[in-house]
Protein backbone atom coordinates (compact mmCIF):
# COMPACT_ATOMS: atom_id res chain seq x y z
CA UNK A 1 6.88 -57.79 -13.04
CA UNK A 2 9.84 -56.57 -11.00
CA UNK A 3 10.70 -52.89 -10.99
CA UNK A 4 14.29 -51.78 -10.48
CA UNK A 5 15.37 -48.37 -9.18
CA UNK A 6 18.44 -46.96 -10.85
CA UNK A 7 19.61 -43.71 -9.21
CA UNK A 8 20.58 -41.09 -11.74
CA UNK A 9 23.91 -39.37 -11.45
CA UNK A 10 22.77 -35.73 -11.49
CA UNK A 11 19.46 -34.31 -10.30
CA UNK A 12 17.22 -32.38 -12.61
CA UNK A 13 14.17 -30.17 -11.95
CA UNK A 14 11.95 -33.26 -12.24
CA UNK A 15 13.56 -34.52 -9.02
CA UNK A 16 12.37 -31.45 -7.14
CA UNK A 17 9.10 -29.89 -5.90
CA UNK A 18 8.34 -26.43 -4.53
CA UNK A 19 9.34 -26.00 -0.82
CA UNK A 20 6.43 -25.62 1.53
CA UNK A 21 6.64 -21.85 1.57
CA UNK A 22 6.27 -21.68 -2.25
CA UNK A 23 3.65 -22.39 -4.97
CA UNK A 24 3.91 -22.93 -8.68
CA UNK A 25 2.81 -20.01 -10.92
CA UNK A 26 1.34 -20.30 -14.35
CA UNK A 27 4.76 -20.66 -15.88
CA UNK A 28 5.67 -23.50 -13.45
CA UNK A 29 8.10 -21.42 -11.41
CA UNK A 30 8.08 -21.68 -7.59
CA UNK A 31 7.18 -18.29 -6.16
CA UNK A 32 6.82 -17.26 -2.52
CA UNK A 33 3.39 -18.09 -0.94
CA UNK A 34 3.11 -15.05 1.29
CA UNK A 35 0.05 -16.50 3.11
CA UNK A 36 1.91 -19.64 4.07
CA UNK A 37 5.02 -17.67 5.11
CA UNK A 38 2.81 -15.34 7.23
CA UNK A 39 1.22 -18.38 9.02
CA UNK A 40 4.58 -19.97 9.71
CA UNK A 41 7.02 -18.81 12.36
CA UNK A 42 9.83 -18.23 9.91
CA UNK A 43 9.78 -14.43 10.25
CA UNK A 44 9.38 -14.71 14.00
CA UNK A 45 12.64 -16.68 14.23
CA UNK A 46 14.32 -14.13 11.94
CA UNK A 47 13.20 -11.26 14.26
CA UNK A 48 11.43 -9.48 11.41
CA UNK A 49 14.52 -9.39 9.16
CA UNK A 50 15.01 -10.87 5.71
CA UNK A 51 14.79 -14.68 5.53
CA UNK A 52 16.63 -16.74 2.94
CA UNK A 53 14.56 -19.71 1.59
CA UNK A 54 15.28 -22.24 -1.16
CA UNK A 55 12.23 -22.37 -3.52
CA UNK A 56 12.88 -26.06 -4.39
CA UNK A 57 13.33 -29.18 -2.32
CA UNK A 58 14.26 -32.66 -3.33
CA UNK A 59 11.22 -34.96 -3.58
CA UNK A 60 11.21 -37.37 -0.59
CA UNK A 61 12.62 -40.76 -1.62
CA UNK A 62 14.35 -39.42 -4.75
CA UNK A 63 17.60 -41.29 -5.43
CA UNK A 64 19.53 -38.88 -7.62
CA UNK A 65 23.13 -38.67 -6.52
CA UNK A 66 24.32 -35.11 -7.24
CA UNK A 67 21.81 -32.40 -6.11
CA UNK A 68 21.31 -29.27 -8.18
CA UNK A 69 22.57 -25.93 -6.81
CA UNK A 70 19.45 -24.16 -5.67
CA UNK A 71 19.73 -20.38 -5.39
CA UNK A 72 17.99 -19.16 -2.18
CA UNK A 73 15.48 -16.28 -2.40
CA UNK A 74 15.82 -13.47 0.11
CA UNK A 75 12.35 -12.53 1.32
CA UNK A 76 11.98 -9.42 3.50
CA UNK A 77 9.69 -10.11 6.45
CA UNK A 78 8.16 -6.68 6.32
CA UNK A 79 6.90 -7.52 2.87
CA UNK A 80 5.13 -10.64 4.26
CA UNK A 81 2.54 -8.52 6.08
CA UNK A 82 1.84 -6.46 2.92
CA UNK A 83 1.69 -9.38 0.46
CA UNK A 84 -0.30 -11.84 2.58
CA UNK A 85 -4.08 -11.86 3.00
CA UNK A 86 -4.42 -8.19 3.87
CA UNK A 87 -4.82 -8.80 7.56
CA UNK A 88 -7.43 -11.55 7.21
CA UNK A 89 -7.49 -14.02 10.14
CA UNK A 90 -8.24 -17.73 10.27
CA UNK A 91 -11.37 -18.22 12.35
CA UNK A 92 -12.53 -21.51 13.78
CA UNK A 93 -16.06 -22.21 15.00
CA UNK A 94 -16.96 -25.13 17.27
CA UNK A 95 -20.39 -26.52 16.88
CA UNK A 96 -21.99 -28.10 19.92
CA UNK A 97 -24.90 -30.42 19.74
CA UNK A 98 -27.29 -31.17 22.54
CA UNK A 99 -27.82 -34.88 21.64
CA UNK A 100 -25.80 -38.00 21.36
CA UNK A 101 -25.02 -39.66 18.10
């Protein structure tokens, strides 16, 4: 069996996924993932100001010809610290063993 790809003319929501700084809520909408934004350097680059992020990105390899107009969301960086994991930190522990495997 041979499969043929036929690019569609206009993109639809099925051609998109949430951007890396967003997650889907129970309704299927992409909402800000404040923990992910806090771990990234987006706000560092914005000097603590508001960042403008698109909640959707085209799925890699998608062949639709005319992209949808995606409205960017303005996310104030000062809100990131309040909405993220309440100051929790990621901790790593290295285990050392006194024998060879």
